[in-house]
Amino acid sequence: MKYFLTYFLLASICLSCGGPKLAEKINSNAPDINTTEVDPVEVSINKSNCTVISELSYPLRDDVETAYVIYRDFVKAKEYEEALPIWKKAFYNAPSANGKVKYQFDDGVAIYKSLHTSTEDQSMKQKYQDTIISIYDKRIECYPEDEAYVIERKAFDYYYSFYTSTTPRDITSLFEQAIDMKGEKADYFIINPFTKLIYDGFIDGSVDTLEAQTYVAKIWDAIEYGNNNCKGKECEAWKIINAYAPARLEALEGVDGFYDCDYYSEKYLPVFQADSTNCETINLVYRRLVRGDCNFSTQDLASVKYAKDNTCYTPPPAPGELRQAYDAYNAGNYTKAVGHFENYVANSDDPEKKAKFLLVIAKIYYGDIKNFPQARNYARQAAEQKPAWGEPFILIGKLYASSGPLCGPGTGWDSQIVTWPAIDKFEYAKKIDPNVSSEANKWISTYKQYMPSKEDVFFRPNVKVGGSFKVGCWINETTIVRTAD
């Protein structure tokens, strides 16, 4: 488990990487323990053989016991080619070892992953992959109680190691099978990749709404359970998960009807209770509850409506396009609200008003619909209508700074470098508009600490402090390399 946690922490930085393929079983005889020339993919896993060492006859029993001891030393030293023939001697004669330990399965996977990584021969890669899957299948056969965990491991490996050999839809199905079996106790290492696959699949249409809602709910349950029950180093992994998965799942709040009242009340009532006199908070919570089609019949929900109506009442605009826009917005119908604001802007000849309501649209796309590219688009349009206005660039900077979970796993290099173009926008905003200097400086101070370290930059080829660097993802802007230290 220690080895796998380390691997997860490294693999979690890759979130752009796909259904399992039935493994072919490749036949061979177990090699002699001293064999040095052996076909690494010539393996045989007898479906009926879950032998333990004690069941073997002499002298084979002694040979296999010795093989189990010797191959592990090679694996610990990461000398996988040397370990392979000896591991095969041990594993294919007594795959269940002493009937208690299971590390021989993980060791076999590690050996074949090393071979898979080190070759450019695609046919060999496929054979190594198939062998890895057959090792997992053998573990399920010998230890049926491990089935759910092994399916998680398969899904994880297909996502991070064998993505191009299958499809995202098939990998999604494998993760679904695992979380159906494990429930809220799903292991930490499947949460981030499964979250990305469900989110991306829903957005591109390969995962329908009901399926997405079902598994998003299960992911939320697993996140809550994992954070409440993690121990030791696993809690470090949950910190990485918390920096990524919740943000991706919360982005689905921008999809009409995706979440119900239970979701919004559970999430936003505590926000209201912690800040119940702040009208900005009250209005936000009220809109979210309306969006969840809550009927405000309970005392807790009714208190939010009471606060809005009595503490935060503001006279509505005169009847017309703006009135319809705000009515739709306050009812949680963000798409309809945007349409009315757009109509108002299109029919206005006042650049000041155009700029104001284009920025309102940008903020709806940022805070409510969670569509960052569209938010930037409208912020830029607002800036065009009103030169030397810093607020649109403050918003764009916040969009960039919030893109860690969009452009990476929420932590690490890919998520840190978004701070560079974000700070560029804050700097530009205060340069052209002294009125926003205080806010810009606040955000600059906040996000400077999240920039990469000098060490991070040093180990990146062709990246130097002070040099230019293009941040990709949806941002696609050239910036200057800076460090937090």
Protein backbone atom coordinates (compact mmCIF):
# COMPACT_ATOMS: atom_id res chain seq x y z
CA MET A 1 0.00 0.00 0.00
CA LYS A 2 2.91 2.34 0.72
CA TYR A 3 4.21 1.82 -2.82
CA PHE A 4 0.81 2.46 -4.31
CA LEU A 5 0.24 5.65 -2.31
CA THR A 6 3.54 7.02 -3.59
CA TYR A 7 2.55 6.13 -7.15
CA PHE A 8 -0.82 7.82 -6.73
CA LEU A 9 0.72 11.04 -5.46
CA LEU A 10 2.88 11.18 -8.57
CA ALA A 11 0.21 10.06 -11.02
CA SER A 12 -2.35 12.56 -9.74
CA ILE A 13 -0.72 15.39 -11.68
CA CYS A 14 -1.92 13.79 -14.93
CA LEU A 15 -5.64 14.37 -15.48
CA SER A 16 -5.92 14.60 -19.23
CA CYS A 17 -5.05 11.07 -19.90
CA GLY A 18 -9.21 6.04 -20.78
CA GLY A 19 -12.60 0.53 -21.05
CA PRO A 20 -10.89 -2.19 -20.15
CA LYS A 21 -9.85 -4.73 -22.68
CA LEU A 22 -10.13 -8.44 -22.04
CA ALA A 23 -6.66 -9.71 -21.34
CA GLU A 24 -5.23 -12.48 -23.47
CA LYS A 25 -3.55 -15.21 -21.49
CA ILE A 26 -0.10 -16.08 -22.79
CA ASN A 27 1.21 -19.57 -22.16
CA SER A 28 4.58 -20.80 -20.96
CA ASN A 29 6.20 -23.09 -18.45
CA ALA A 30 7.58 -21.67 -15.23
CA PRO A 31 11.29 -21.04 -15.71
CA ASP A 32 14.05 -22.47 -13.63
CA ILE A 33 15.08 -20.15 -10.82
CA ASN A 34 18.47 -19.63 -12.41
CA THR A 35 17.12 -18.87 -15.89
CA THR A 36 18.62 -15.71 -17.30
CA GLU A 37 17.13 -15.82 -20.79
CA VAL A 38 13.34 -15.85 -20.61
CA ASP A 39 10.55 -14.47 -22.77
CA PRO A 40 9.04 -11.89 -20.41
CA VAL A 41 5.56 -12.20 -21.90
CA GLU A 42 5.50 -15.97 -22.11
CA VAL A 43 3.36 -16.46 -19.03
CA SER A 44 0.72 -18.91 -17.92
CA ILE A 45 -1.83 -18.38 -15.21
CA ASN A 46 -3.66 -21.63 -14.64
CA LYS A 47 -7.25 -20.76 -13.89
CA SER A 48 -7.58 -23.56 -11.37
CA ASN A 49 -4.27 -22.96 -9.65
CA CYS A 50 -4.22 -20.92 -6.45
CA THR A 51 -1.57 -23.10 -4.89
CA VAL A 52 0.20 -22.16 -1.68
CA ILE A 53 3.83 -23.08 -1.09
CA SER A 54 3.03 -25.67 1.56
CA GLU A 55 1.09 -27.69 -1.01
CA LEU A 56 4.16 -28.16 -3.21
CA SER A 57 6.30 -31.29 -2.99
CA TYR A 58 10.03 -31.30 -2.36
CA PRO A 59 12.35 -30.12 -3.86
CA LEU A 60 10.06 -27.65 -5.68
CA ARG A 61 8.80 -26.26 -2.38
CA ASP A 62 12.31 -25.19 -1.35
CA ASP A 63 12.97 -23.69 -4.79
CA VAL A 64 9.79 -21.63 -4.70
CA GLU A 65 10.38 -20.46 -1.13
CA THR A 66 13.85 -19.34 -2.16
CA ALA A 67 12.47 -17.62 -5.27
CA TYR A 68 9.99 -15.63 -3.17
CA VAL A 69 12.84 -14.36 -0.99
CA ILE A 70 15.29 -13.58 -3.78
CA TYR A 71 12.99 -11.86 -6.27
CA ARG A 72 11.76 -9.41 -3.62
CA ASP A 73 15.27 -8.09 -3.09
CA PHE A 74 15.49 -7.29 -6.80
CA VAL A 75 12.06 -5.62 -6.77
CA LYS A 76 12.98 -3.49 -3.76
CA ALA A 77 16.08 -2.39 -5.66
CA LYS A 78 13.89 -1.76 -8.75
CA GLU A 79 15.97 -4.23 -10.72
CA TYR A 80 12.92 -5.53 -12.48
CA GLU A 81 14.55 -7.41 -15.35
CA GLU A 82 16.58 -9.43 -12.85
CA ALA A 83 13.50 -9.99 -10.72
CA LEU A 84 11.27 -11.23 -13.55
CA PRO A 85 12.42 -14.84 -14.09
CA ILE A 86 12.65 -15.46 -10.35
CA TRP A 87 9.26 -13.87 -9.71
CA LYS A 88 7.80 -16.13 -12.40
CA LYS A 89 9.30 -19.18 -10.71
CA ALA A 90 7.65 -18.14 -7.45
CA PHE A 91 4.34 -16.88 -8.76
CA TYR A 92 3.43 -19.48 -11.35
CA ASN A 93 4.16 -22.37 -9.04
CA ALA A 94 2.46 -20.92 -5.95
CA PRO A 95 0.51 -17.76 -6.79
CA SER A 96 -1.02 -17.66 -3.30
CA ALA A 97 2.41 -17.76 -1.61
CA ASN A 98 1.75 -18.74 2.01
CA GLY A 99 -2.00 -18.09 1.65
CA LYS A 100 -1.82 -14.82 3.56
CA VAL A 101 0.43 -12.32 1.75
CA LYS A 102 -0.61 -10.66 -1.49
CA TYR A 103 2.41 -8.55 -2.36
CA GLN A 104 3.39 -11.00 -5.12
CA PHE A 105 0.55 -9.63 -7.25
CA ASP A 106 1.64 -6.02 -6.76
CA ASP A 107 5.25 -7.01 -7.45
CA GLY A 108 4.27 -8.68 -10.72
CA VAL A 109 2.34 -5.59 -11.77
CA ALA A 110 5.32 -3.39 -10.91
CA ILE A 111 7.69 -5.60 -12.96
CA TYR A 112 5.49 -5.59 -16.04
CA LYS A 113 4.74 -1.89 -15.75
CA SER A 114 8.46 -1.25 -15.86
CA LEU A 115 8.74 -3.34 -19.01
CA HIS A 116 5.70 -1.59 -20.49
CA THR A 117 7.22 1.83 -19.86
CA SER A 118 10.68 0.97 -21.15
CA THR A 119 9.70 -0.35 -24.59
CA GLU A 120 8.56 1.55 -27.68
CA ASP A 121 7.34 -1.63 -29.37
CA GLN A 122 3.54 -1.30 -29.39
CA SER A 123 2.93 -5.02 -29.75
CA MET A 124 5.10 -5.68 -26.70
CA LYS A 125 3.35 -2.91 -24.78
CA GLN A 126 0.05 -4.63 -25.46
CA LYS A 127 1.40 -7.96 -24.28
CA TYR A 128 2.77 -6.44 -21.10
CA GLN A 129 -0.57 -4.72 -20.50
CA ASP A 130 -2.46 -7.97 -21.02
CA THR A 131 -0.14 -9.73 -18.59
CA ILE A 132 -0.77 -7.06 -15.94
CA ILE A 133 -4.51 -7.49 -16.34
CA SER A 134 -4.14 -11.27 -16.10
CA ILE A 135 -2.26 -10.84 -12.82
CA TYR A 136 -5.12 -8.74 -11.48
CA ASP A 137 -7.60 -11.40 -12.63
CA LYS A 138 -5.57 -14.07 -10.87
CA ARG A 139 -5.69 -12.12 -7.63
CA ILE A 140 -9.49 -11.96 -7.86
CA GLU A 141 -9.59 -15.71 -8.48
CA CYS A 142 -7.35 -16.51 -5.53
CA TYR A 143 -8.73 -13.81 -3.21
CA PRO A 144 -12.36 -13.08 -4.22
CA GLU A 145 -12.72 -10.70 -1.29
CA ASP A 146 -10.29 -8.34 -3.08
CA GLU A 147 -12.43 -8.01 -6.22
CA ALA A 148 -13.63 -4.45 -5.65
CA TYR A 149 -10.14 -3.20 -4.78
CA VAL A 150 -8.59 -4.96 -7.79
CA ILE A 151 -11.18 -3.43 -10.13
CA GLU A 152 -10.22 -0.03 -8.72
CA ARG A 153 -6.58 -0.80 -9.47
CA LYS A 154 -7.43 -1.92 -13.01
CA ALA A 155 -9.39 1.26 -13.67
CA PHE A 156 -6.57 3.38 -12.26
CA ASP A 157 -4.00 1.65 -14.49
CA TYR A 158 -6.13 1.94 -17.59
CA TYR A 159 -6.49 5.65 -16.92
CA TYR A 160 -2.89 6.49 -16.14
CA SER A 161 -0.91 3.79 -17.96
CA PHE A 162 -3.05 2.25 -20.73
CA TYR A 163 -5.31 5.15 -21.73
CA THR A 164 -4.62 4.98 -25.45
CA SER A 165 -5.40 1.27 -25.64
CA THR A 166 -9.08 1.74 -24.86
CA THR A 167 -11.79 4.42 -24.61
CA PRO A 168 -12.75 6.90 -21.89
CA ARG A 169 -16.27 5.44 -21.90
CA ASP A 170 -14.95 1.96 -21.08
CA ILE A 171 -12.69 3.24 -18.31
CA THR A 172 -15.62 5.21 -16.90
CA SER A 173 -17.64 1.98 -16.78
CA LEU A 174 -14.83 0.23 -14.91
CA PHE A 175 -14.66 3.01 -12.32
CA GLU A 176 -18.44 2.85 -12.00
CA GLN A 177 -18.26 -0.88 -11.33
CA ALA A 178 -15.68 -0.27 -8.62
CA ILE A 179 -17.58 2.49 -6.84
CA ASP A 180 -20.81 0.51 -7.06
CA MET A 181 -19.04 -2.22 -5.08
CA LYS A 182 -17.14 0.00 -2.64
CA GLY A 183 -19.70 2.76 -2.11
CA GLU A 184 -18.58 5.56 0.20
CA LYS A 185 -15.53 3.48 1.10
CA ALA A 186 -14.10 3.80 -2.41
CA ASP A 187 -10.32 4.15 -2.23
CA TYR A 188 -8.78 7.59 -2.52
CA PHE A 189 -6.84 6.87 -5.70
CA ILE A 190 -9.90 6.54 -7.94
CA ILE A 191 -11.59 9.80 -6.95
CA ASN A 192 -9.73 12.33 -9.11
CA PRO A 193 -9.58 10.34 -12.36
CA PHE A 194 -13.18 9.14 -11.99
CA THR A 195 -14.34 12.70 -11.29
CA LYS A 196 -12.68 13.94 -14.46
CA LEU A 197 -14.12 11.14 -16.58
CA ILE A 198 -17.66 11.64 -15.27
CA TYR A 199 -17.45 15.42 -15.70
CA ASP A 200 -15.93 15.27 -19.18
CA GLY A 201 -18.29 12.49 -20.24
CA PHE A 202 -21.33 14.46 -19.11
CA ILE A 203 -20.14 17.59 -20.91
CA ASP A 204 -19.40 15.74 -24.18
CA GLY A 205 -22.61 13.68 -23.99
CA SER A 206 -21.15 10.20 -23.54
CA VAL A 207 -22.53 10.10 -19.97
CA ASP A 208 -26.22 10.92 -19.66
CA THR A 209 -27.71 13.13 -16.95
CA LEU A 210 -29.09 10.35 -14.74
CA GLU A 211 -25.81 8.42 -14.86
CA ALA A 212 -23.80 11.54 -14.07
CA GLN A 213 -26.08 12.50 -11.18
CA THR A 214 -25.89 8.97 -9.75
CA TYR A 215 -22.12 8.76 -9.74
CA VAL A 216 -21.48 12.38 -8.79
CA ALA A 217 -23.54 11.69 -5.65
CA LYS A 218 -21.42 8.60 -4.94
CA ILE A 219 -18.22 10.59 -5.42
CA TRP A 220 -19.43 13.24 -2.97
CA ASP A 221 -20.22 10.49 -0.43
CA ALA A 222 -16.76 8.96 -0.89
CA ILE A 223 -15.06 12.35 -0.46
CA GLU A 224 -16.94 13.01 2.76
CA TYR A 225 -16.24 9.54 4.12
CA GLY A 226 -12.58 9.60 3.09
CA ASN A 227 -11.88 12.95 4.68
CA ASN A 228 -13.63 11.95 7.90
CA ASN A 229 -11.94 8.56 8.21
CA CYS A 230 -8.49 8.83 6.60
CA LYS A 231 -5.41 7.95 8.61
CA GLY A 232 -1.72 8.72 8.22
CA LYS A 233 -0.37 9.21 4.71
CA GLU A 234 -3.75 8.64 3.09
CA CYS A 235 -4.80 12.02 4.48
CA GLU A 236 -2.11 13.60 2.30
CA ALA A 237 -3.76 12.03 -0.73
CA TRP A 238 -7.14 13.39 0.35
CA LYS A 239 -5.63 16.88 0.42
CA ILE A 240 -4.80 16.46 -3.27
CA ILE A 241 -8.30 15.19 -3.94
CA ASN A 242 -9.84 18.14 -2.08
CA ALA A 243 -7.91 20.53 -4.30
CA TYR A 244 -9.42 19.02 -7.45
CA ALA A 245 -12.57 16.90 -7.27
CA PRO A 246 -14.92 19.24 -5.35
CA ALA A 247 -14.23 22.12 -7.75
CA ARG A 248 -15.02 19.94 -10.77
CA LEU A 249 -18.22 18.67 -9.17
CA GLU A 250 -19.29 22.14 -8.05
CA ALA A 251 -18.93 23.34 -11.64
CA LEU A 252 -22.00 21.23 -12.41
CA GLU A 253 -24.04 23.75 -10.42
CA GLY A 254 -23.98 25.71 -13.66
CA VAL A 255 -26.05 23.00 -15.37
CA ASP A 256 -29.78 23.63 -15.04
CA GLY A 257 -31.47 21.00 -12.89
CA PHE A 258 -28.38 18.92 -12.21
CA TYR A 259 -28.45 19.25 -8.42
CA ASP A 260 -31.59 19.13 -6.26
CA CYS A 261 -32.68 20.99 -3.14
CA ASP A 262 -30.94 18.53 -0.82
CA TYR A 263 -27.58 19.33 -2.43
CA TYR A 264 -28.02 23.11 -2.31
CA SER A 265 -29.46 23.23 1.21
CA GLU A 266 -26.74 20.96 2.61
CA LYS A 267 -24.02 23.05 1.00
CA TYR A 268 -25.35 26.60 1.32
CA LEU A 269 -27.37 26.69 4.56
CA PRO A 270 -24.15 26.55 6.62
CA VAL A 271 -22.85 29.50 4.54
CA PHE A 272 -25.95 31.50 5.46
CA GLN A 273 -25.83 30.49 9.13
CA ALA A 274 -22.20 31.63 9.36
CA ASP A 275 -22.90 35.03 7.78
CA SER A 276 -26.62 35.63 8.20
CA THR A 277 -26.58 39.45 8.10
CA ASN A 278 -24.52 39.89 4.95
CA CYS A 279 -26.83 40.66 2.03
CA GLU A 280 -24.35 39.36 -0.52
CA THR A 281 -24.35 36.01 1.29
CA ILE A 282 -28.11 36.03 1.82
CA ASN A 283 -28.83 36.70 -1.84
CA LEU A 284 -26.35 34.06 -2.98
CA VAL A 285 -27.82 31.38 -0.72
CA TYR A 286 -31.37 32.32 -1.68
CA ARG A 287 -30.61 32.08 -5.40
CA ARG A 288 -28.96 28.69 -4.95
CA LEU A 289 -31.93 27.34 -2.97
CA VAL A 290 -34.33 28.59 -5.63
CA ARG A 291 -32.15 26.97 -8.27
CA GLY A 292 -32.54 23.68 -6.40
CA ASP A 293 -36.34 24.12 -6.51
CA CYS A 294 -36.56 24.33 -2.73
CA ASN A 295 -40.00 25.34 -1.41
CA PHE A 296 -38.77 27.08 1.78
CA SER A 297 -41.23 25.12 3.92
CA THR A 298 -38.75 24.20 6.67
CA GLN A 299 -37.70 26.65 9.33
CA ASP A 300 -34.07 26.79 8.13
CA LEU A 301 -35.01 27.51 4.53
CA ALA A 302 -37.73 29.95 5.53
CA SER A 303 -35.18 31.97 7.51
CA VAL A 304 -33.20 32.58 4.32
CA LYS A 305 -36.27 33.88 2.48
CA TYR A 306 -37.22 36.04 5.45
CA ALA A 307 -33.74 37.59 5.54
CA LYS A 308 -33.85 38.32 1.83
CA ASP A 309 -37.31 39.86 1.92
CA ASN A 310 -36.81 41.93 5.07
CA THR A 311 -33.08 42.61 5.42
CA CYS A 312 -31.93 42.72 1.82
CA TYR A 313 -34.90 44.04 -0.09
CA THR A 314 -34.02 46.28 -3.03
CA PRO A 315 -36.57 47.90 -5.32
CA PRO A 316 -36.67 46.10 -8.67
CA PRO A 317 -35.89 47.93 -11.92
CA ALA A 318 -38.73 49.39 -13.95
CA PRO A 319 -40.56 46.86 -16.15
CA GLY A 320 -38.51 45.95 -19.20
CA GLU A 321 -35.55 43.89 -20.28
CA LEU A 322 -33.49 44.61 -17.16
CA ARG A 323 -36.39 43.74 -14.87
CA GLN A 324 -36.84 40.42 -16.67
CA ALA A 325 -33.10 39.77 -16.45
CA TYR A 326 -32.95 40.31 -12.68
CA ASP A 327 -36.16 38.37 -12.09
CA ALA A 328 -34.70 35.40 -13.97
CA TYR A 329 -31.40 35.70 -12.14
CA ASN A 330 -33.02 35.85 -8.70
CA ALA A 331 -35.06 32.80 -9.63
CA GLY A 332 -31.87 30.87 -10.34
CA ASN A 333 -32.48 30.78 -14.10
CA TYR A 334 -29.05 31.98 -15.15
CA THR A 335 -29.22 31.14 -18.84
CA LYS A 336 -32.48 33.06 -19.21
CA ALA A 337 -31.02 35.97 -17.27
CA VAL A 338 -28.02 36.14 -19.58
CA GLY A 339 -30.33 36.25 -22.59
CA HIS A 340 -32.21 39.27 -21.20
CA PHE A 341 -28.98 41.08 -20.27
CA GLU A 342 -27.66 40.46 -23.79
CA ASN A 343 -30.84 41.90 -25.29
CA TYR A 344 -30.50 44.96 -23.11
CA VAL A 345 -26.89 45.50 -24.16
CA ALA A 346 -27.71 45.00 -27.83
CA ASN A 347 -30.44 47.66 -27.69
CA SER A 348 -28.43 50.22 -25.71
CA ASP A 349 -26.44 53.09 -27.21
CA ASP A 350 -24.73 53.96 -23.92
CA PRO A 351 -21.16 52.54 -23.74
CA GLU A 352 -21.15 52.91 -19.95
CA LYS A 353 -24.28 50.78 -19.59
CA LYS A 354 -23.06 48.30 -22.17
CA ALA A 355 -19.81 47.89 -20.23
CA LYS A 356 -21.63 47.51 -16.89
CA PHE A 357 -23.99 44.79 -18.01
CA LEU A 358 -21.46 42.95 -20.13
CA LEU A 359 -19.44 42.62 -16.93
CA VAL A 360 -22.57 41.44 -15.11
CA ILE A 361 -22.93 38.69 -17.73
CA ALA A 362 -19.25 37.83 -17.27
CA LYS A 363 -19.77 37.47 -13.52
CA ILE A 364 -22.78 35.20 -14.04
CA TYR A 365 -20.70 32.94 -16.25
CA TYR A 366 -17.94 32.96 -13.64
CA GLY A 367 -19.84 32.55 -10.39
CA ASP A 368 -23.06 30.84 -11.42
CA ILE A 369 -22.77 29.02 -14.74
CA LYS A 370 -19.09 28.16 -14.13
CA ASN A 371 -18.06 28.68 -17.74
CA PHE A 372 -14.69 30.42 -17.54
CA PRO A 373 -14.00 30.92 -21.27
CA GLN A 374 -17.38 32.63 -21.72
CA ALA A 375 -16.79 34.75 -18.62
CA ARG A 376 -13.50 35.99 -20.10
CA ASN A 377 -15.19 36.64 -23.44
CA TYR A 378 -17.76 38.99 -21.87
CA ALA A 379 -15.20 40.63 -19.59
CA ARG A 380 -13.12 41.50 -22.65
CA GLN A 381 -16.20 42.93 -24.37
CA ALA A 382 -16.87 45.05 -21.28
CA ALA A 383 -13.30 46.37 -21.35
CA GLU A 384 -13.68 47.33 -25.01
CA GLN A 385 -16.73 49.42 -24.19
CA LYS A 386 -14.97 51.30 -21.37
CA PRO A 387 -11.24 51.86 -21.81
CA ALA A 388 -9.04 52.35 -18.72
CA TRP A 389 -11.48 50.32 -16.59
CA GLY A 390 -9.73 47.83 -14.36
CA GLU A 391 -12.64 45.70 -13.13
CA PRO A 392 -12.88 43.44 -16.20
CA PHE A 393 -9.20 42.56 -15.81
CA ILE A 394 -9.61 41.90 -12.09
CA LEU A 395 -12.29 39.38 -13.05
CA ILE A 396 -10.11 37.77 -15.73
CA GLY A 397 -7.30 37.48 -13.18
CA LYS A 398 -9.66 35.73 -10.77
CA LEU A 399 -10.76 33.39 -13.57
CA TYR A 400 -7.15 32.42 -14.24
CA ALA A 401 -6.29 32.07 -10.57
CA SER A 402 -9.32 29.79 -10.07
CA SER A 403 -8.29 27.49 -12.91
CA GLY A 404 -6.00 25.18 -10.93
CA PRO A 405 -8.56 22.33 -10.97
CA LEU A 406 -9.34 23.00 -14.65
CA CYS A 407 -5.75 22.97 -15.83
CA GLY A 408 -4.25 20.46 -13.40
CA PRO A 409 -5.11 18.35 -10.36
CA GLY A 410 -5.50 21.38 -8.10
CA THR A 411 -1.93 21.17 -6.79
CA GLY A 412 1.50 20.96 -8.39
CA TRP A 413 3.04 22.59 -11.45
CA ASP A 414 0.09 22.61 -13.87
CA SER A 415 -2.19 24.13 -11.25
CA GLN A 416 0.40 26.60 -9.96
CA ILE A 417 1.44 28.22 -13.23
CA VAL A 418 -2.06 29.67 -13.75
CA THR A 419 -1.07 32.23 -11.09
CA TRP A 420 1.36 33.86 -13.54
CA PRO A 421 -1.19 35.13 -16.09
CA ALA A 422 -3.58 35.86 -13.21
CA ILE A 423 -1.07 38.22 -11.59
CA ASP A 424 -0.39 39.75 -15.01
CA LYS A 425 -4.07 40.76 -15.19
CA PHE A 426 -4.11 42.16 -11.66
CA GLU A 427 -0.98 44.20 -12.44
CA TYR A 428 -2.51 45.48 -15.66
CA ALA A 429 -5.79 46.37 -13.95
CA LYS A 430 -4.14 48.67 -11.42
CA LYS A 431 -1.87 50.12 -14.10
CA ILE A 432 -4.78 51.39 -16.18
CA ASP A 433 -7.19 52.10 -13.32
CA PRO A 434 -5.91 53.40 -9.94
CA ASN A 435 -9.40 52.86 -8.50
CA VAL A 436 -8.84 49.11 -8.41
CA SER A 437 -5.27 49.23 -7.04
CA SER A 438 -6.27 48.14 -3.55
CA GLU A 439 -8.21 45.11 -4.77
CA ALA A 440 -5.53 44.22 -7.31
CA ASN A 441 -2.81 44.33 -4.65
CA LYS A 442 -4.90 42.10 -2.39
CA TRP A 443 -5.19 39.43 -5.09
CA ILE A 444 -1.53 39.73 -6.07
CA SER A 445 -0.51 39.18 -2.45
CA THR A 446 -2.90 36.24 -2.17
CA TYR A 447 -1.75 34.37 -5.25
CA LYS A 448 1.99 35.05 -5.18
CA GLN A 449 2.35 32.42 -2.46
CA TYR A 450 0.91 29.78 -4.82
CA MET A 451 3.44 30.29 -7.59
CA PRO A 452 5.96 27.47 -8.22
CA SER A 453 9.14 27.39 -6.16
CA LYS A 454 12.65 28.02 -7.49
CA GLU A 455 13.29 24.30 -7.19
CA ASP A 456 10.21 23.51 -9.29
CA VAL A 457 11.44 25.84 -12.02
CA PHE A 458 15.03 24.62 -11.83
CA PHE A 459 14.07 21.06 -12.69
CA ARG A 460 11.95 22.11 -15.70
CA PRO A 461 13.87 21.99 -18.99
CA ASN A 462 13.92 25.25 -20.95
CA VAL A 463 12.15 27.13 -18.13
CA LYS A 464 14.01 29.98 -16.43
CA VAL A 465 12.97 32.58 -13.89
CA GLY A 466 12.28 35.80 -15.77
CA GLY A 467 11.84 33.98 -19.07
CA SER A 468 8.67 33.81 -21.11
CA PHE A 469 6.31 30.87 -20.81
CA LYS A 470 3.01 30.04 -22.49
CA VAL A 471 0.33 28.74 -20.17
CA GLY A 472 -1.94 26.45 -22.13
CA CYS A 473 -5.22 24.90 -21.03
CA TRP A 474 -8.11 27.27 -21.80
CA ILE A 475 -5.96 30.31 -20.86
CA ASN A 476 -3.44 30.18 -23.75
CA GLU A 477 -1.46 33.27 -22.79
CA THR A 478 2.26 33.99 -22.69
CA THR A 479 3.53 35.20 -19.34
CA ILE A 480 6.70 35.59 -17.26
CA VAL A 481 8.14 32.83 -15.08
CA ARG A 482 8.18 33.79 -11.41
CA THR A 483 8.59 31.93 -8.13
CA ALA A 484 7.04 32.11 -4.70
CA ASP A 485 10.45 32.12 -2.94
